[in-house]
Amino acid sequence: MLQGILAVIFGYLLGSIPSAYIMCKVRKGIDIREVDVRNMGAGSTFRQCGIWEGAVVAIVDVGKGAAAVLVAKYIGVDYLFVLAAGFAAMLGHNFPFSIGFRGGQGVSTIMGVFFVLAPQAMVLMLIVMAIVLVITRHIFSMIFIVAPFLPLFIWISRLDSALILFSVFIVAYIIFRSRGRLRELSFLPWNKKQT
């Protein structure tokens, strides 16, 4: 039990590393949470700081989620604590203690979690993400469209039901947390401009 709790705490601390905030402060002197879509993530970093900077942030954020799960697995905690450590990493990204608990969506971080727990499903996700991104040319639209495929791809990969349920919870959480940005999705009928 104690090791499991420590794994969750470690996951949160890893997730709390504000890579986009640090990168944009160092490279451009800006608080990424106050510009663009006010999201501390790789997408905003790409747009505000550059391709190289955004790529580094994406890699670090994916690594945070992957490392949280790998450490939990390495110390041999119960599977539910492994999942909890992954979710804690995402919460750390969402609410980083070091910068006033104002973070980002955590999509890259949770992708890192699933790269470890469901690599085959994530390969399928990456393929679909690339296709949808080429069509929409909008990162948030791509996330919204593709996210519901995650539980399906995990099921296709014949992984356990706990991971499927976890993925459903994660997708619901991401959509709920991003509800304020749904107006950006022009393909939703209620977002179409009246003529």
N, C-alpha and C. Protein backbone atom coordinates (compact mmCIF):
# COMPACT_ATOMS: atom_id res chain seq x y z
N MET A 1 0.82 -1.21 0.00
CA MET A 1 0.00 0.00 0.00
C MET A 1 0.86 1.27 0.00
N LEU A 2 1.86 1.30 0.88
CA LEU A 2 2.73 2.48 0.97
C LEU A 2 3.46 2.72 -0.34
N GLN A 3 3.98 1.62 -0.94
CA GLN A 3 4.68 1.78 -2.23
C GLN A 3 3.73 2.32 -3.30
N GLY A 4 2.49 1.85 -3.27
CA GLY A 4 1.51 2.33 -4.24
C GLY A 4 1.24 3.81 -4.08
N ILE A 5 1.10 4.25 -2.84
CA ILE A 5 0.88 5.68 -2.57
C ILE A 5 2.08 6.50 -3.03
N LEU A 6 3.27 5.98 -2.75
CA LEU A 6 4.48 6.69 -3.18
C LEU A 6 4.57 6.76 -4.70
N ALA A 7 4.13 5.70 -5.38
CA ALA A 7 4.13 5.70 -6.84
C ALA A 7 3.19 6.77 -7.38
N VAL A 8 2.04 6.93 -6.74
CA VAL A 8 1.07 7.94 -7.17
C VAL A 8 1.64 9.34 -6.93
N ILE A 9 2.24 9.55 -5.77
CA ILE A 9 2.84 10.86 -5.46
C ILE A 9 3.95 11.17 -6.46
N PHE A 10 4.78 10.17 -6.75
CA PHE A 10 5.87 10.36 -7.71
C PHE A 10 5.30 10.70 -9.09
N GLY A 11 4.20 10.03 -9.47
CA GLY A 11 3.57 10.32 -10.74
C GLY A 11 3.10 11.76 -10.82
N TYR A 12 2.49 12.23 -9.74
CA TYR A 12 2.04 13.62 -9.72
C TYR A 12 3.21 14.60 -9.84
N LEU A 13 4.28 14.32 -9.09
CA LEU A 13 5.45 15.21 -9.13
C LEU A 13 6.08 15.24 -10.51
N LEU A 14 6.15 14.09 -11.17
CA LEU A 14 6.66 14.05 -12.54
C LEU A 14 5.78 14.88 -13.46
N GLY A 15 4.48 14.65 -13.35
CA GLY A 15 3.55 15.37 -14.20
C GLY A 15 3.60 16.87 -13.99
N SER A 16 4.00 17.28 -12.79
CA SER A 16 4.02 18.70 -12.46
C SER A 16 5.18 19.48 -13.09
N ILE A 17 6.10 18.78 -13.72
CA ILE A 17 7.20 19.48 -14.39
C ILE A 17 6.60 20.30 -15.54
N PRO A 18 6.61 21.63 -15.45
CA PRO A 18 5.92 22.48 -16.44
C PRO A 18 6.78 22.76 -17.68
N SER A 19 6.95 21.77 -18.49
CA SER A 19 7.90 21.87 -19.61
C SER A 19 7.55 23.01 -20.57
N ALA A 20 6.27 23.15 -20.92
CA ALA A 20 5.89 24.21 -21.86
C ALA A 20 6.10 25.59 -21.23
N TYR A 21 5.77 25.70 -19.96
CA TYR A 21 5.95 26.97 -19.26
C TYR A 21 7.43 27.36 -19.24
N ILE A 22 8.29 26.41 -18.88
CA ILE A 22 9.73 26.67 -18.81
C ILE A 22 10.28 27.02 -20.19
N MET A 23 9.91 26.22 -21.20
CA MET A 23 10.42 26.43 -22.55
C MET A 23 10.05 27.83 -23.06
N CYS A 24 8.79 28.21 -22.89
CA CYS A 24 8.35 29.50 -23.43
C CYS A 24 8.89 30.68 -22.64
N LYS A 25 9.11 30.49 -21.35
CA LYS A 25 9.73 31.55 -20.54
C LYS A 25 11.17 31.76 -20.96
N VAL A 26 11.88 30.64 -21.17
CA VAL A 26 13.30 30.73 -21.52
C VAL A 26 13.49 31.24 -22.95
N ARG A 27 12.70 30.74 -23.89
CA ARG A 27 12.91 31.07 -25.30
C ARG A 27 12.29 32.40 -25.72
N LYS A 28 11.10 32.72 -25.16
CA LYS A 28 10.39 33.92 -25.61
C LYS A 28 10.04 34.89 -24.50
N GLY A 29 10.27 34.48 -23.25
CA GLY A 29 9.94 35.36 -22.14
C GLY A 29 8.46 35.52 -21.90
N ILE A 30 7.66 34.54 -22.35
CA ILE A 30 6.21 34.64 -22.19
C ILE A 30 5.68 33.54 -21.28
N ASP A 31 4.55 33.81 -20.66
CA ASP A 31 3.82 32.79 -19.89
C ASP A 31 2.83 32.16 -20.86
N ILE A 32 3.07 30.92 -21.26
CA ILE A 32 2.26 30.26 -22.28
C ILE A 32 0.80 30.17 -21.86
N ARG A 33 0.53 30.29 -20.59
CA ARG A 33 -0.84 30.20 -20.09
C ARG A 33 -1.62 31.50 -20.28
N GLU A 34 -0.92 32.55 -20.72
CA GLU A 34 -1.57 33.85 -20.91
C GLU A 34 -1.72 34.23 -22.37
N VAL A 35 -1.26 33.36 -23.28
CA VAL A 35 -1.35 33.65 -24.71
C VAL A 35 -1.99 32.46 -25.42
N ASP A 36 -2.18 32.60 -26.75
CA ASP A 36 -2.72 31.52 -27.57
C ASP A 36 -4.07 31.09 -27.00
N VAL A 37 -4.23 29.80 -26.70
CA VAL A 37 -5.49 29.31 -26.12
C VAL A 37 -5.38 29.14 -24.62
N ARG A 38 -4.31 29.72 -24.04
CA ARG A 38 -4.08 29.67 -22.59
C ARG A 38 -3.94 28.23 -22.07
N ASN A 39 -3.33 27.40 -22.89
CA ASN A 39 -3.11 26.01 -22.51
C ASN A 39 -1.61 25.73 -22.45
N MET A 40 -1.15 25.17 -21.36
CA MET A 40 0.27 24.86 -21.20
C MET A 40 0.56 23.50 -21.81
N GLY A 41 0.77 23.51 -23.12
CA GLY A 41 1.01 22.25 -23.80
C GLY A 41 1.88 22.41 -25.03
N ALA A 42 2.12 21.26 -25.68
CA ALA A 42 3.00 21.26 -26.85
C ALA A 42 2.40 22.05 -28.01
N GLY A 43 1.07 21.94 -28.21
CA GLY A 43 0.44 22.64 -29.32
C GLY A 43 0.64 24.15 -29.22
N SER A 44 0.39 24.70 -28.05
CA SER A 44 0.58 26.13 -27.85
C SER A 44 2.04 26.52 -28.02
N THR A 45 2.94 25.65 -27.56
CA THR A 45 4.37 25.92 -27.70
C THR A 45 4.79 25.93 -29.16
N PHE A 46 4.26 25.00 -29.96
CA PHE A 46 4.53 25.00 -31.40
C PHE A 46 4.16 26.35 -32.00
N ARG A 47 2.97 26.82 -31.68
CA ARG A 47 2.46 28.05 -32.30
C ARG A 47 3.17 29.30 -31.80
N GLN A 48 3.53 29.33 -30.53
CA GLN A 48 4.07 30.55 -29.93
C GLN A 48 5.60 30.61 -29.93
N CYS A 49 6.26 29.45 -29.90
CA CYS A 49 7.72 29.44 -29.77
C CYS A 49 8.44 28.82 -30.96
N GLY A 50 7.82 27.83 -31.61
CA GLY A 50 8.49 27.22 -32.75
C GLY A 50 8.39 25.71 -32.75
N ILE A 51 8.76 25.14 -33.89
CA ILE A 51 8.63 23.70 -34.08
C ILE A 51 9.56 22.92 -33.16
N TRP A 52 10.83 23.36 -33.08
CA TRP A 52 11.80 22.65 -32.23
C TRP A 52 11.36 22.68 -30.78
N GLU A 53 10.96 23.85 -30.31
CA GLU A 53 10.54 23.99 -28.93
C GLU A 53 9.30 23.14 -28.64
N GLY A 54 8.35 23.15 -29.55
CA GLY A 54 7.15 22.35 -29.37
C GLY A 54 7.44 20.86 -29.34
N ALA A 55 8.38 20.43 -30.20
CA ALA A 55 8.75 19.01 -30.23
C ALA A 55 9.38 18.58 -28.92
N VAL A 56 10.26 19.42 -28.38
CA VAL A 56 10.90 19.09 -27.10
C VAL A 56 9.86 18.99 -26.00
N VAL A 57 8.94 19.94 -25.96
CA VAL A 57 7.88 19.91 -24.94
C VAL A 57 7.03 18.64 -25.08
N ALA A 58 6.68 18.29 -26.32
CA ALA A 58 5.87 17.09 -26.55
C ALA A 58 6.59 15.84 -26.04
N ILE A 59 7.88 15.74 -26.34
CA ILE A 59 8.66 14.57 -25.90
C ILE A 59 8.74 14.50 -24.38
N VAL A 60 8.99 15.65 -23.75
CA VAL A 60 9.09 15.67 -22.29
C VAL A 60 7.74 15.30 -21.66
N ASP A 61 6.66 15.85 -22.20
CA ASP A 61 5.34 15.58 -21.63
C ASP A 61 4.93 14.12 -21.80
N VAL A 62 5.22 13.54 -22.95
CA VAL A 62 4.97 12.11 -23.14
C VAL A 62 5.82 11.30 -22.17
N GLY A 63 7.08 11.72 -22.02
CA GLY A 63 7.99 11.02 -21.11
C GLY A 63 7.54 11.04 -19.68
N LYS A 64 6.88 12.13 -19.25
CA LYS A 64 6.40 12.21 -17.87
C LYS A 64 5.39 11.11 -17.59
N GLY A 65 4.44 10.92 -18.49
CA GLY A 65 3.44 9.87 -18.30
C GLY A 65 4.03 8.48 -18.37
N ALA A 66 4.91 8.28 -19.35
CA ALA A 66 5.55 6.97 -19.50
C ALA A 66 6.39 6.62 -18.27
N ALA A 67 7.16 7.58 -17.79
CA ALA A 67 8.04 7.33 -16.64
C ALA A 67 7.24 7.03 -15.38
N ALA A 68 6.13 7.73 -15.19
CA ALA A 68 5.30 7.49 -14.01
C ALA A 68 4.82 6.04 -13.95
N VAL A 69 4.38 5.53 -15.10
CA VAL A 69 3.88 4.16 -15.16
C VAL A 69 5.02 3.15 -15.07
N LEU A 70 6.12 3.43 -15.75
CA LEU A 70 7.27 2.51 -15.72
C LEU A 70 7.83 2.35 -14.31
N VAL A 71 7.92 3.45 -13.58
CA VAL A 71 8.42 3.39 -12.21
C VAL A 71 7.46 2.59 -11.34
N ALA A 72 6.16 2.83 -11.49
CA ALA A 72 5.17 2.09 -10.71
C ALA A 72 5.24 0.59 -11.00
N LYS A 73 5.40 0.25 -12.27
CA LYS A 73 5.52 -1.16 -12.63
C LYS A 73 6.82 -1.75 -12.10
N TYR A 74 7.89 -0.98 -12.16
CA TYR A 74 9.20 -1.46 -11.73
C TYR A 74 9.22 -1.81 -10.26
N ILE A 75 8.56 -1.00 -9.44
CA ILE A 75 8.58 -1.28 -7.99
C ILE A 75 7.53 -2.32 -7.60
N GLY A 76 6.75 -2.77 -8.59
CA GLY A 76 5.87 -3.91 -8.36
C GLY A 76 4.58 -3.62 -7.61
N VAL A 77 4.03 -2.42 -7.77
CA VAL A 77 2.78 -2.11 -7.07
C VAL A 77 1.60 -2.75 -7.79
N ASP A 78 0.48 -2.83 -7.10
CA ASP A 78 -0.74 -3.39 -7.67
C ASP A 78 -1.12 -2.62 -8.95
N TYR A 79 -1.77 -3.32 -9.88
CA TYR A 79 -2.09 -2.73 -11.19
C TYR A 79 -2.93 -1.46 -11.06
N LEU A 80 -3.84 -1.42 -10.12
CA LEU A 80 -4.66 -0.23 -9.93
C LEU A 80 -3.79 0.97 -9.52
N PHE A 81 -2.73 0.72 -8.78
CA PHE A 81 -1.82 1.80 -8.42
C PHE A 81 -1.00 2.25 -9.63
N VAL A 82 -0.73 1.32 -10.54
CA VAL A 82 -0.04 1.68 -11.78
C VAL A 82 -0.92 2.65 -12.57
N LEU A 83 -2.21 2.31 -12.69
CA LEU A 83 -3.13 3.20 -13.39
C LEU A 83 -3.26 4.54 -12.67
N ALA A 84 -3.32 4.48 -11.34
CA ALA A 84 -3.44 5.70 -10.55
C ALA A 84 -2.21 6.58 -10.71
N ALA A 85 -1.04 5.97 -10.80
CA ALA A 85 0.19 6.74 -11.01
C ALA A 85 0.15 7.45 -12.35
N GLY A 86 -0.37 6.78 -13.37
CA GLY A 86 -0.51 7.41 -14.68
C GLY A 86 -1.48 8.57 -14.65
N PHE A 87 -2.60 8.37 -13.98
CA PHE A 87 -3.58 9.45 -13.88
C PHE A 87 -3.01 10.61 -13.05
N ALA A 88 -2.25 10.28 -12.02
CA ALA A 88 -1.63 11.32 -11.19
C ALA A 88 -0.66 12.16 -12.00
N ALA A 89 0.04 11.53 -12.95
CA ALA A 89 0.94 12.29 -13.82
C ALA A 89 0.15 13.29 -14.65
N MET A 90 -1.00 12.85 -15.14
CA MET A 90 -1.86 13.75 -15.90
C MET A 90 -2.37 14.89 -15.02
N LEU A 91 -2.78 14.56 -13.79
CA LEU A 91 -3.24 15.59 -12.86
C LEU A 91 -2.11 16.58 -12.54
N GLY A 92 -0.89 16.05 -12.44
CA GLY A 92 0.25 16.93 -12.20
C GLY A 92 0.42 17.93 -13.32
N HIS A 93 0.22 17.46 -14.56
CA HIS A 93 0.30 18.36 -15.71
C HIS A 93 -0.85 19.36 -15.68
N ASN A 94 -2.04 18.89 -15.33
CA ASN A 94 -3.21 19.77 -15.25
C ASN A 94 -3.06 20.83 -14.16
N PHE A 95 -2.54 20.39 -13.01
CA PHE A 95 -2.49 21.25 -11.82
C PHE A 95 -1.10 21.20 -11.19
N PRO A 96 -0.09 21.77 -11.85
CA PRO A 96 1.28 21.72 -11.34
C PRO A 96 1.45 22.63 -10.12
N PHE A 97 1.91 22.05 -9.03
CA PHE A 97 2.04 22.82 -7.79
C PHE A 97 3.05 23.94 -7.91
N SER A 98 4.03 23.77 -8.78
CA SER A 98 5.14 24.73 -8.86
C SER A 98 4.77 26.05 -9.50
N ILE A 99 3.67 26.10 -10.25
CA ILE A 99 3.28 27.34 -10.94
C ILE A 99 1.81 27.66 -10.67
N GLY A 100 1.39 27.48 -9.44
CA GLY A 100 0.05 27.91 -9.06
C GLY A 100 -1.09 27.02 -9.50
N PHE A 101 -0.80 25.74 -9.80
CA PHE A 101 -1.83 24.75 -10.15
C PHE A 101 -2.60 25.12 -11.42
N ARG A 102 -1.96 25.87 -12.32
CA ARG A 102 -2.55 26.20 -13.62
C ARG A 102 -1.71 25.56 -14.72
N GLY A 103 -2.18 24.44 -15.22
CA GLY A 103 -1.41 23.72 -16.22
C GLY A 103 -2.15 23.58 -17.54
N GLY A 104 -1.95 22.42 -18.19
CA GLY A 104 -2.54 22.18 -19.50
C GLY A 104 -3.53 21.04 -19.49
N GLN A 105 -3.87 20.57 -20.68
CA GLN A 105 -4.85 19.50 -20.82
C GLN A 105 -4.29 18.14 -20.40
N GLY A 106 -3.01 17.92 -20.64
CA GLY A 106 -2.40 16.66 -20.26
C GLY A 106 -2.52 15.55 -21.29
N VAL A 107 -2.87 15.90 -22.53
CA VAL A 107 -3.04 14.87 -23.55
C VAL A 107 -1.73 14.14 -23.85
N SER A 108 -0.65 14.89 -24.01
CA SER A 108 0.64 14.25 -24.29
C SER A 108 1.08 13.36 -23.13
N THR A 109 0.84 13.83 -21.91
CA THR A 109 1.23 13.05 -20.73
C THR A 109 0.46 11.74 -20.67
N ILE A 110 -0.83 11.79 -20.92
CA ILE A 110 -1.62 10.55 -20.85
C ILE A 110 -1.29 9.64 -22.04
N MET A 111 -0.86 10.23 -23.15
CA MET A 111 -0.39 9.40 -24.26
C MET A 111 0.82 8.59 -23.84
N GLY A 112 1.71 9.21 -23.07
CA GLY A 112 2.87 8.48 -22.56
C GLY A 112 2.47 7.31 -21.68
N VAL A 113 1.43 7.50 -20.89
CA VAL A 113 0.91 6.41 -20.04
C VAL A 113 0.47 5.24 -20.91
N PHE A 114 -0.29 5.53 -21.94
CA PHE A 114 -0.82 4.45 -22.78
C PHE A 114 0.23 3.88 -23.73
N PHE A 115 1.27 4.63 -24.05
CA PHE A 115 2.36 4.05 -24.83
C PHE A 115 2.99 2.88 -24.07
N VAL A 116 3.02 2.97 -22.74
CA VAL A 116 3.57 1.88 -21.92
C VAL A 116 2.54 0.77 -21.72
N LEU A 117 1.30 1.16 -21.41
CA LEU A 117 0.28 0.17 -21.05
C LEU A 117 -0.38 -0.49 -22.25
N ALA A 118 -0.46 0.22 -23.38
CA ALA A 118 -1.15 -0.32 -24.55
C ALA A 118 -0.45 0.15 -25.83
N PRO A 119 0.77 -0.31 -26.05
CA PRO A 119 1.55 0.20 -27.20
C PRO A 119 0.91 -0.05 -28.56
N GLN A 120 0.29 -1.23 -28.74
CA GLN A 120 -0.34 -1.51 -30.03
C GLN A 120 -1.50 -0.55 -30.29
N ALA A 121 -2.30 -0.31 -29.26
CA ALA A 121 -3.42 0.61 -29.40
C ALA A 121 -2.92 2.01 -29.72
N MET A 122 -1.80 2.41 -29.12
CA MET A 122 -1.27 3.75 -29.36
C MET A 122 -0.71 3.90 -30.76
N VAL A 123 -0.18 2.83 -31.33
CA VAL A 123 0.27 2.90 -32.72
C VAL A 123 -0.92 3.17 -33.63
N LEU A 124 -2.02 2.47 -33.38
CA LEU A 124 -3.24 2.72 -34.15
C LEU A 124 -3.73 4.16 -33.95
N MET A 125 -3.65 4.63 -32.71
CA MET A 125 -4.07 5.99 -32.41
C MET A 125 -3.23 7.00 -33.19
N LEU A 126 -1.92 6.79 -33.24
CA LEU A 126 -1.04 7.72 -33.95
C LEU A 126 -1.37 7.78 -35.43
N ILE A 127 -1.70 6.63 -36.01
CA ILE A 127 -2.05 6.60 -37.43
C ILE A 127 -3.31 7.41 -37.67
N VAL A 128 -4.34 7.17 -36.85
CA VAL A 128 -5.60 7.90 -37.01
C VAL A 128 -5.40 9.38 -36.71
N MET A 129 -4.60 9.70 -35.69
CA MET A 129 -4.33 11.10 -35.36
C MET A 129 -3.68 11.83 -36.53
N ALA A 130 -2.73 11.17 -37.18
CA ALA A 130 -2.05 11.80 -38.31
C ALA A 130 -3.03 12.07 -39.45
N ILE A 131 -3.89 11.10 -39.74
CA ILE A 131 -4.87 11.26 -40.82
C ILE A 131 -5.82 12.42 -40.51
N VAL A 132 -6.36 12.42 -39.29
CA VAL A 132 -7.34 13.46 -38.91
C VAL A 132 -6.68 14.84 -38.87
N LEU A 133 -5.43 14.90 -38.41
CA LEU A 133 -4.74 16.19 -38.36
C LEU A 133 -4.51 16.76 -39.75
N VAL A 134 -4.19 15.90 -40.70
CA VAL A 134 -4.00 16.35 -42.09
C VAL A 134 -5.30 16.93 -42.63
N ILE A 135 -6.42 16.29 -42.26
CA ILE A 135 -7.73 16.74 -42.76
C ILE A 135 -8.18 18.03 -42.06
N THR A 136 -8.08 18.07 -40.73
CA THR A 136 -8.62 19.21 -39.98
C THR A 136 -7.63 20.36 -39.84
N ARG A 137 -6.33 20.04 -39.82
CA ARG A 137 -5.28 21.04 -39.58
C ARG A 137 -5.53 21.82 -38.29
N HIS A 138 -6.09 21.12 -37.31
CA HIS A 138 -6.42 21.75 -36.03
C HIS A 138 -6.21 20.72 -34.93
N ILE A 139 -5.26 20.98 -34.04
CA ILE A 139 -4.87 19.99 -33.05
C ILE A 139 -6.02 19.63 -32.12
N PHE A 140 -6.75 20.62 -31.62
CA PHE A 140 -7.83 20.32 -30.68
C PHE A 140 -8.94 19.52 -31.35
N SER A 141 -9.27 19.85 -32.60
CA SER A 141 -10.27 19.07 -33.34
C SER A 141 -9.81 17.63 -33.48
N MET A 142 -8.54 17.46 -33.79
CA MET A 142 -7.99 16.11 -33.93
C MET A 142 -8.13 15.32 -32.63
N ILE A 143 -7.79 15.96 -31.50
CA ILE A 143 -7.90 15.29 -30.20
C ILE A 143 -9.34 14.89 -29.92
N PHE A 144 -10.27 15.82 -30.15
CA PHE A 144 -11.68 15.57 -29.86
C PHE A 144 -12.23 14.43 -30.71
N ILE A 145 -11.84 14.38 -31.98
CA ILE A 145 -12.34 13.34 -32.88
C ILE A 145 -11.73 11.98 -32.58
N VAL A 146 -10.43 11.97 -32.30
CA VAL A 146 -9.70 10.70 -32.18
C VAL A 146 -9.81 10.08 -30.79
N ALA A 147 -9.91 10.89 -29.74
CA ALA A 147 -9.89 10.36 -28.37
C ALA A 147 -10.85 9.20 -28.13
N PRO A 148 -12.09 9.25 -28.62
CA PRO A 148 -13.01 8.13 -28.37
C PRO A 148 -12.59 6.80 -28.98
N PHE A 149 -11.63 6.84 -29.91
CA PHE A 149 -11.14 5.58 -30.50
C PHE A 149 -10.25 4.80 -29.54
N LEU A 150 -9.70 5.46 -28.52
CA LEU A 150 -8.76 4.80 -27.63
C LEU A 150 -9.33 3.55 -26.97
N PRO A 151 -10.51 3.61 -26.32
CA PRO A 151 -11.05 2.38 -25.72
C PRO A 151 -11.27 1.27 -26.75
N LEU A 152 -11.71 1.66 -27.95
CA LEU A 152 -11.93 0.67 -29.01
C LEU A 152 -10.63 -0.02 -29.39
N PHE A 153 -9.57 0.75 -29.58
CA PHE A 153 -8.28 0.17 -29.97
C PHE A 153 -7.70 -0.70 -28.85
N ILE A 154 -7.93 -0.32 -27.61
CA ILE A 154 -7.47 -1.16 -26.50
C ILE A 154 -8.25 -2.46 -26.49
N TRP A 155 -9.53 -2.40 -26.76
CA TRP A 155 -10.36 -3.61 -26.83
C TRP A 155 -9.90 -4.50 -27.98
N ILE A 156 -9.63 -3.90 -29.14
CA ILE A 156 -9.15 -4.66 -30.29
C ILE A 156 -7.82 -5.35 -29.96
N SER A 157 -7.00 -4.67 -29.15
CA SER A 157 -5.70 -5.24 -28.77
C SER A 157 -5.82 -6.34 -27.72
N ARG A 158 -7.05 -6.66 -27.31
CA ARG A 158 -7.35 -7.73 -26.36
C ARG A 158 -6.67 -7.52 -25.01
N LEU A 159 -6.68 -6.28 -24.56
CA LEU A 159 -6.13 -5.97 -23.24
C LEU A 159 -7.25 -6.05 -22.20
N ASP A 160 -6.86 -6.01 -20.94
CA ASP A 160 -7.83 -6.29 -19.88
C ASP A 160 -8.89 -5.20 -19.75
N SER A 161 -10.02 -5.60 -19.13
CA SER A 161 -11.17 -4.71 -19.02
C SER A 161 -10.86 -3.49 -18.15
N ALA A 162 -9.98 -3.64 -17.15
CA ALA A 162 -9.65 -2.51 -16.28
C ALA A 162 -9.03 -1.39 -17.09
N LEU A 163 -8.18 -1.73 -18.05
CA LEU A 163 -7.53 -0.72 -18.88
C LEU A 163 -8.53 -0.07 -19.83
N ILE A 164 -9.48 -0.87 -20.32
CA ILE A 164 -10.53 -0.31 -21.19
C ILE A 164 -11.35 0.72 -20.41
N LEU A 165 -11.76 0.35 -19.19
CA LEU A 165 -12.54 1.26 -18.35
C LEU A 165 -11.73 2.51 -18.00
N PHE A 166 -10.45 2.31 -17.73
CA PHE A 166 -9.57 3.44 -17.44
C PHE A 166 -9.51 4.39 -18.63
N SER A 167 -9.41 3.83 -19.83
CA SER A 167 -9.33 4.67 -21.03
C SER A 167 -10.63 5.43 -21.25
N VAL A 168 -11.78 4.79 -20.96
CA VAL A 168 -13.07 5.48 -21.09
C VAL A 168 -13.12 6.66 -20.11
N PHE A 169 -12.67 6.42 -18.89
CA PHE A 169 -12.64 7.47 -17.88
C PHE A 169 -11.73 8.62 -18.32
N ILE A 170 -10.58 8.29 -18.85
CA ILE A 170 -9.63 9.31 -19.29
C ILE A 170 -10.21 10.16 -20.42
N VAL A 171 -10.83 9.50 -21.40
CA VAL A 171 -11.44 10.23 -22.52
C VAL A 171 -12.53 11.17 -22.00
N ALA A 172 -13.38 10.68 -21.10
CA ALA A 172 -14.44 11.51 -20.53
C ALA A 172 -13.85 12.68 -19.76
N TYR A 173 -12.78 12.42 -19.03
CA TYR A 173 -12.14 13.47 -18.24
C TYR A 173 -11.56 14.56 -19.15
N ILE A 174 -10.88 14.15 -20.22
CA ILE A 174 -10.28 15.12 -21.14
C ILE A 174 -11.35 15.99 -21.79
N ILE A 175 -12.44 15.35 -22.23
CA ILE A 175 -13.53 16.10 -22.87
C ILE A 175 -14.15 17.08 -21.87
N PHE A 176 -14.38 16.60 -20.65
CA PHE A 176 -14.96 17.47 -19.63
C PHE A 176 -14.04 18.65 -19.32
N ARG A 177 -12.76 18.34 -19.15
CA ARG A 177 -11.82 19.41 -18.81
C ARG A 177 -11.66 20.41 -19.95
N SER A 178 -11.88 19.96 -21.18
CA SER A 178 -11.71 20.84 -22.36
C SER A 178 -13.03 21.44 -22.83
N ARG A 179 -14.07 21.31 -22.02
CA ARG A 179 -15.40 21.74 -22.47
C ARG A 179 -15.44 23.21 -22.87
N GLY A 180 -14.60 24.03 -22.25
CA GLY A 180 -14.58 25.45 -22.58
C GLY A 180 -14.07 25.75 -23.98
N ARG A 181 -13.39 24.78 -24.58
CA ARG A 181 -12.83 24.99 -25.92
C ARG A 181 -13.69 24.37 -27.02
N LEU A 182 -14.84 23.81 -26.67
CA LEU A 182 -15.67 23.14 -27.67
C LEU A 182 -16.15 24.10 -28.75
N ARG A 183 -16.17 25.41 -28.44
CA ARG A 183 -16.58 26.40 -29.45
C ARG A 183 -15.60 26.47 -30.62
N GLU A 184 -14.39 25.91 -30.44
CA GLU A 184 -13.42 25.91 -31.52
C GLU A 184 -13.74 24.87 -32.59
N LEU A 185 -14.65 23.94 -32.28
CA LEU A 185 -14.93 22.84 -33.19
C LEU A 185 -16.02 23.26 -34.17
N SER A 186 -15.60 23.72 -35.33
CA SER A 186 -16.54 24.28 -36.30
C SER A 186 -17.50 23.24 -36.87
N PHE A 187 -17.14 21.94 -36.77
CA PHE A 187 -17.99 20.91 -37.35
C PHE A 187 -19.18 20.57 -36.45
N LEU A 188 -19.19 21.06 -35.19
CA LEU A 188 -20.33 20.84 -34.31
C LEU A 188 -21.47 21.75 -34.76
N PRO A 189 -22.70 21.21 -34.87
CA PRO A 189 -23.81 21.99 -35.43
C PRO A 189 -24.09 23.28 -34.67
N TRP A 190 -23.92 23.26 -33.32
CA TRP A 190 -24.23 24.47 -32.56
C TRP A 190 -23.14 25.54 -32.66
N ASN A 191 -22.02 25.20 -33.32
CA ASN A 191 -20.95 26.18 -33.52
C ASN A 191 -20.99 26.82 -34.91
N LYS A 192 -21.90 26.36 -35.75
CA LYS A 192 -21.98 26.92 -37.10
C LYS A 192 -22.61 28.30 -37.04
N LYS A 193 -22.03 29.22 -37.79
CA LYS A 193 -22.53 30.59 -37.79
C LYS A 193 -23.87 30.65 -38.52
N GLN A 194 -24.74 31.48 -38.00
CA GLN A 194 -26.03 31.68 -38.62
C GLN A 194 -25.85 32.55 -39.88
N THR A 195 -26.55 32.19 -40.92
CA THR A 195 -26.47 32.97 -42.17
C THR A 195 -27.78 33.70 -42.43
